[in-house]
Amino acid sequence: MKRRANRAWMLIALCAGLCGCVERRFVITSDPPGAMVYDERGLPLGPTPVDKTWLYNGKYRFTLVKDGMETLVAEEEVPARWYEIPPIDFFTENLIPYPYRDIRRFHYQLQPMAIVPEATLLEQGKALRSRGQTIGLPGATDPLLTPAMPTAPVTVGPPLP
């Protein structure tokens, strides 16, 4: 009787080990390659081509940064595949004995950084300077923002040996 119970547990463990799952992965490439990819939290994923695992369908945001190129912020909507829709997902993730691979590929074309003429930069700088001069000194109107000055003179103790 004890052997049958042990065999039953071994059979259950074997079936559990053979159960299917869904492997979800992004593959992000860019032209030109080598752009640094950041996820929606600002954490670096690495230079392109790069891959990342994911769990849930929905919106994902990637930021691609490369020297000499415009920074690109891409937002991707990742819809569910047919085998990820309830109640079908129960069978594909738990009962079918082989894994499904859901690999989404995103390719981004980076644009070269625009060269701004020097005259335009000078005009923008003058406009920013004049705007800054209208703001005034920080804390000049609000007494709570001015730093507190000590009222008593600061005394220095005896020199240390």
C-alpha atoms as a PDB file:
ATOM      1  CA  MET A   1       0.000   0.000   0.000  1.00  0.00           C
ATOM      2  CA  LYS A   2       2.840   2.349   0.846  1.00  0.00           C
ATOM      3  CA  ARG A   3       4.479   1.709  -2.551  1.00  0.00           C
ATOM      4  CA  ARG A   4       1.323   2.635  -4.404  1.00  0.00           C
ATOM      5  CA  ALA A   5       1.080   5.905  -2.488  1.00  0.00           C
ATOM      6  CA  ASN A   6       4.712   6.704  -3.314  1.00  0.00           C
ATOM      7  CA  ARG A   7       4.141   5.881  -6.985  1.00  0.00           C
ATOM      8  CA  ALA A   8       1.052   8.081  -7.033  1.00  0.00           C
ATOM      9  CA  TRP A   9       3.021  11.027  -5.638  1.00  0.00           C
ATOM     10  CA  MET A  10       5.810  10.410  -8.168  1.00  0.00           C
ATOM     11  CA  LEU A  11       3.241  10.373 -10.984  1.00  0.00           C
ATOM     12  CA  ILE A  12       1.704  13.637  -9.737  1.00  0.00           C
ATOM     13  CA  ALA A  13       5.154  15.257  -9.515  1.00  0.00           C
ATOM     14  CA  LEU A  14       5.997  14.064 -13.039  1.00  0.00           C
ATOM     15  CA  CYS A  15       2.742  15.461 -14.426  1.00  0.00           C
ATOM     16  CA  ALA A  16       3.313  18.762 -12.646  1.00  0.00           C
ATOM     17  CA  GLY A  17       6.806  18.949 -14.138  1.00  0.00           C
ATOM     18  CA  LEU A  18       5.461  18.331 -17.641  1.00  0.00           C
ATOM     19  CA  CYS A  19       2.760  20.971 -17.443  1.00  0.00           C
ATOM     20  CA  GLY A  20       2.934  23.750 -19.953  1.00  0.00           C
ATOM     21  CA  CYS A  21       3.623  27.397 -19.525  1.00  0.00           C
ATOM     22  CA  VAL A  22       3.846  30.547 -21.584  1.00  0.00           C
ATOM     23  CA  GLU A  23       7.251  32.163 -22.041  1.00  0.00           C
ATOM     24  CA  ARG A  24       6.786  35.867 -22.724  1.00  0.00           C
ATOM     25  CA  ARG A  25       9.664  37.938 -24.086  1.00  0.00           C
ATOM     26  CA  PHE A  26      10.260  41.264 -25.854  1.00  0.00           C
ATOM     27  CA  VAL A  27      13.054  41.578 -28.403  1.00  0.00           C
ATOM     28  CA  ILE A  28      13.919  45.233 -29.029  1.00  0.00           C
ATOM     29  CA  THR A  29      16.110  46.265 -31.954  1.00  0.00           C
ATOM     30  CA  SER A  30      16.999  49.647 -33.389  1.00  0.00           C
ATOM     31  CA  ASP A  31      18.540  51.163 -36.465  1.00  0.00           C
ATOM     32  CA  PRO A  32      21.345  52.093 -35.833  1.00  0.00           C
ATOM     33  CA  PRO A  33      22.040  49.335 -33.300  1.00  0.00           C
ATOM     34  CA  GLY A  34      23.579  49.970 -29.902  1.00  0.00           C
ATOM     35  CA  ALA A  35      20.964  52.376 -28.518  1.00  0.00           C
ATOM     36  CA  MET A  36      20.536  52.100 -24.747  1.00  0.00           C
ATOM     37  CA  VAL A  37      17.016  50.936 -23.827  1.00  0.00           C
ATOM     38  CA  TYR A  38      15.292  51.976 -20.580  1.00  0.00           C
ATOM     39  CA  ASP A  39      12.021  50.531 -19.305  1.00  0.00           C
ATOM     40  CA  GLU A  40       9.016  52.444 -17.938  1.00  0.00           C
ATOM     41  CA  ARG A  41      10.675  52.758 -14.513  1.00  0.00           C
ATOM     42  CA  GLY A  42      13.844  54.250 -16.011  1.00  0.00           C
ATOM     43  CA  LEU A  43      15.922  51.126 -15.386  1.00  0.00           C
ATOM     44  CA  PRO A  44      18.398  50.221 -18.144  1.00  0.00           C
ATOM     45  CA  LEU A  45      17.765  47.014 -20.073  1.00  0.00           C
ATOM     46  CA  GLY A  46      20.950  47.241 -22.135  1.00  0.00           C
ATOM     47  CA  PRO A  47      22.013  48.251 -25.651  1.00  0.00           C
ATOM     48  CA  THR A  48      20.013  47.046 -28.641  1.00  0.00           C
ATOM     49  CA  PRO A  49      19.433  44.301 -29.579  1.00  0.00           C
ATOM     50  CA  VAL A  50      18.069  43.502 -26.119  1.00  0.00           C
ATOM     51  CA  ASP A  51      15.376  41.229 -24.737  1.00  0.00           C
ATOM     52  CA  LYS A  52      13.196  41.397 -21.632  1.00  0.00           C
ATOM     53  CA  THR A  53      10.714  39.010 -20.077  1.00  0.00           C
ATOM     54  CA  TRP A  54       7.229  40.252 -19.256  1.00  0.00           C
ATOM     55  CA  LEU A  55       4.208  38.881 -17.401  1.00  0.00           C
ATOM     56  CA  TYR A  56       1.136  40.925 -18.249  1.00  0.00           C
ATOM     57  CA  ASN A  57      -0.477  42.233 -21.392  1.00  0.00           C
ATOM     58  CA  GLY A  58      -1.038  45.965 -21.621  1.00  0.00           C
ATOM     59  CA  LYS A  59       0.976  49.103 -22.320  1.00  0.00           C
ATOM     60  CA  TYR A  60       4.749  49.177 -22.083  1.00  0.00           C
ATOM     61  CA  ARG A  61       6.992  52.214 -22.515  1.00  0.00           C
ATOM     62  CA  PHE A  62      10.575  52.090 -23.726  1.00  0.00           C
ATOM     63  CA  THR A  63      13.077  54.936 -24.033  1.00  0.00           C
ATOM     64  CA  LEU A  64      15.922  54.572 -26.541  1.00  0.00           C
ATOM     65  CA  VAL A  65      18.982  56.822 -26.171  1.00  0.00           C
ATOM     66  CA  LYS A  66      22.023  56.992 -28.453  1.00  0.00           C
ATOM     67  CA  ASP A  67      24.699  59.656 -28.918  1.00  0.00           C
ATOM     68  CA  GLY A  68      24.059  61.791 -31.990  1.00  0.00           C
ATOM     69  CA  MET A  69      20.452  60.568 -32.284  1.00  0.00           C
ATOM     70  CA  GLU A  70      17.143  61.940 -31.053  1.00  0.00           C
ATOM     71  CA  THR A  71      15.854  60.261 -27.877  1.00  0.00           C
ATOM     72  CA  LEU A  72      12.873  58.089 -28.736  1.00  0.00           C
ATOM     73  CA  VAL A  73      10.087  57.294 -26.272  1.00  0.00           C
ATOM     74  CA  ALA A  74       7.961  54.456 -27.626  1.00  0.00           C
ATOM     75  CA  GLU A  75       4.745  53.181 -26.101  1.00  0.00           C
ATOM     76  CA  GLU A  76       3.602  49.724 -27.169  1.00  0.00           C
ATOM     77  CA  GLU A  77       0.218  48.114 -26.624  1.00  0.00           C
ATOM     78  CA  VAL A  78       0.673  44.370 -26.085  1.00  0.00           C
ATOM     79  CA  PRO A  79      -2.636  42.567 -26.679  1.00  0.00           C
ATOM     80  CA  ALA A  80      -3.315  39.008 -25.512  1.00  0.00           C
ATOM     81  CA  ARG A  81      -2.871  36.146 -27.980  1.00  0.00           C
ATOM     82  CA  TRP A  82      -5.669  33.615 -28.457  1.00  0.00           C
ATOM     83  CA  TYR A  83      -4.136  31.174 -25.963  1.00  0.00           C
ATOM     84  CA  GLU A  84      -3.863  33.877 -23.264  1.00  0.00           C
ATOM     85  CA  ILE A  85      -7.578  34.700 -23.130  1.00  0.00           C
ATOM     86  CA  PRO A  86      -9.515  33.281 -20.142  1.00  0.00           C
ATOM     87  CA  PRO A  87     -10.542  30.421 -19.806  1.00  0.00           C
ATOM     88  CA  ILE A  88      -8.226  29.113 -22.565  1.00  0.00           C
ATOM     89  CA  ASP A  89      -5.180  30.388 -20.654  1.00  0.00           C
ATOM     90  CA  PHE A  90      -5.862  27.917 -17.847  1.00  0.00           C
ATOM     91  CA  PHE A  91      -5.254  25.012 -20.205  1.00  0.00           C
ATOM     92  CA  THR A  92      -2.242  26.529 -22.004  1.00  0.00           C
ATOM     93  CA  GLU A  93      -0.478  27.464 -18.782  1.00  0.00           C
ATOM     94  CA  ASN A  94      -1.370  24.455 -16.649  1.00  0.00           C
ATOM     95  CA  LEU A  95      -2.418  21.380 -18.601  1.00  0.00           C
ATOM     96  CA  ILE A  96      -0.804  21.296 -22.057  1.00  0.00           C
ATOM     97  CA  PRO A  97       2.573  19.555 -21.676  1.00  0.00           C
ATOM     98  CA  TYR A  98       4.705  21.882 -23.794  1.00  0.00           C
ATOM     99  CA  PRO A  99       5.491  25.586 -23.465  1.00  0.00           C
ATOM    100  CA  TYR A 100       4.149  28.332 -25.668  1.00  0.00           C
ATOM    101  CA  ARG A 101       6.588  31.072 -26.623  1.00  0.00           C
ATOM    102  CA  ASP A 102       5.124  34.532 -26.983  1.00  0.00           C
ATOM    103  CA  ILE A 103       7.943  36.628 -28.442  1.00  0.00           C
ATOM    104  CA  ARG A 104       7.088  40.195 -29.440  1.00  0.00           C
ATOM    105  CA  ARG A 105       9.581  42.007 -31.638  1.00  0.00           C
ATOM    106  CA  PHE A 106       9.820  45.797 -31.681  1.00  0.00           C
ATOM    107  CA  HIS A 107      12.068  47.620 -34.128  1.00  0.00           C
ATOM    108  CA  TYR A 108      12.663  51.359 -33.880  1.00  0.00           C
ATOM    109  CA  GLN A 109      14.234  53.735 -36.391  1.00  0.00           C
ATOM    110  CA  LEU A 110      16.222  56.454 -34.623  1.00  0.00           C
ATOM    111  CA  GLN A 111      16.504  59.867 -36.267  1.00  0.00           C
ATOM    112  CA  PRO A 112      19.735  61.877 -36.357  1.00  0.00           C
ATOM    113  CA  MET A 113      19.841  64.784 -33.952  1.00  0.00           C
ATOM    114  CA  ALA A 114      18.907  68.051 -35.628  1.00  0.00           C
ATOM    115  CA  ILE A 115      21.665  70.666 -35.767  1.00  0.00           C
ATOM    116  CA  VAL A 116      20.344  73.965 -34.456  1.00  0.00           C
ATOM    117  CA  PRO A 117      21.956  77.107 -35.927  1.00  0.00           C
ATOM    118  CA  GLU A 118      23.979  79.241 -33.521  1.00  0.00           C
ATOM    119  CA  ALA A 119      21.775  82.295 -34.073  1.00  0.00           C
ATOM    120  CA  THR A 120      18.689  80.348 -32.971  1.00  0.00           C
ATOM    121  CA  LEU A 121      20.447  79.159 -29.809  1.00  0.00           C
ATOM    122  CA  LEU A 122      21.480  82.728 -28.965  1.00  0.00           C
ATOM    123  CA  GLU A 123      17.917  83.989 -29.438  1.00  0.00           C
ATOM    124  CA  GLN A 124      16.534  81.215 -27.220  1.00  0.00           C
ATOM    125  CA  GLY A 125      19.176  82.010 -24.588  1.00  0.00           C
ATOM    126  CA  LYS A 126      18.300  85.738 -24.599  1.00  0.00           C
ATOM    127  CA  ALA A 127      14.599  84.920 -24.234  1.00  0.00           C
ATOM    128  CA  LEU A 128      15.350  82.574 -21.323  1.00  0.00           C
ATOM    129  CA  ARG A 129      17.576  85.186 -19.646  1.00  0.00           C
ATOM    130  CA  SER A 130      14.892  87.892 -19.891  1.00  0.00           C
ATOM    131  CA  ARG A 131      12.309  85.481 -18.481  1.00  0.00           C
ATOM    132  CA  GLY A 132      14.628  84.627 -15.580  1.00  0.00           C
ATOM    133  CA  GLN A 133      15.184  88.299 -14.794  1.00  0.00           C
ATOM    134  CA  THR A 134      11.444  88.861 -14.384  1.00  0.00           C
ATOM    135  CA  ILE A 135      11.197  86.139 -11.743  1.00  0.00           C
ATOM    136  CA  GLY A 136      13.227  88.045  -9.143  1.00  0.00           C
ATOM    137  CA  LEU A 137      15.412  86.843  -6.317  1.00  0.00           C
ATOM    138  CA  PRO A 138      14.459  83.612  -4.614  1.00  0.00           C
ATOM    139  CA  GLY A 139      12.791  84.195  -1.263  1.00  0.00           C
ATOM    140  CA  ALA A 140      12.753  87.992  -1.588  1.00  0.00           C
ATOM    141  CA  THR A 141       8.996  88.223  -1.135  1.00  0.00           C
ATOM    142  CA  ASP A 142       8.418  85.260   1.172  1.00  0.00           C
ATOM    143  CA  PRO A 143       9.988  85.576   4.658  1.00  0.00           C
ATOM    144  CA  LEU A 144       9.588  81.838   5.214  1.00  0.00           C
ATOM    145  CA  LEU A 145      11.957  81.105   2.333  1.00  0.00           C
ATOM    146  CA  THR A 146      14.756  83.427   3.496  1.00  0.00           C
ATOM    147  CA  PRO A 147      17.480  81.685   5.466  1.00  0.00           C
ATOM    148  CA  ALA A 148      17.583  82.407   9.190  1.00  0.00           C
ATOM    149  CA  MET A 149      20.628  84.405  10.283  1.00  0.00           C
ATOM    150  CA  PRO A 150      22.158  83.726  13.699  1.00  0.00           C
ATOM    151  CA  THR A 151      21.406  86.504  16.192  1.00  0.00           C
ATOM    152  CA  ALA A 152      24.177  85.767  18.697  1.00  0.00           C
ATOM    153  CA  PRO A 153      27.864  85.853  17.781  1.00  0.00           C
ATOM    154  CA  VAL A 154      29.485  82.496  17.235  1.00  0.00           C
ATOM    155  CA  THR A 155      32.152  81.710  19.830  1.00  0.00           C
ATOM    156  CA  VAL A 156      35.043  79.386  19.240  1.00  0.00           C
ATOM    157  CA  GLY A 157      36.152  77.090  22.062  1.00  0.00           C
ATOM    158  CA  PRO A 158      39.704  76.462  23.222  1.00  0.00           C
ATOM    159  CA  PRO A 159      42.033  74.801  20.726  1.00  0.00           C
ATOM    160  CA  LEU A 160      42.204  71.037  20.838  1.00  0.00           C
ATOM    161  CA  PRO A 161      45.483  69.466  22.051  1.00  0.00           C
END
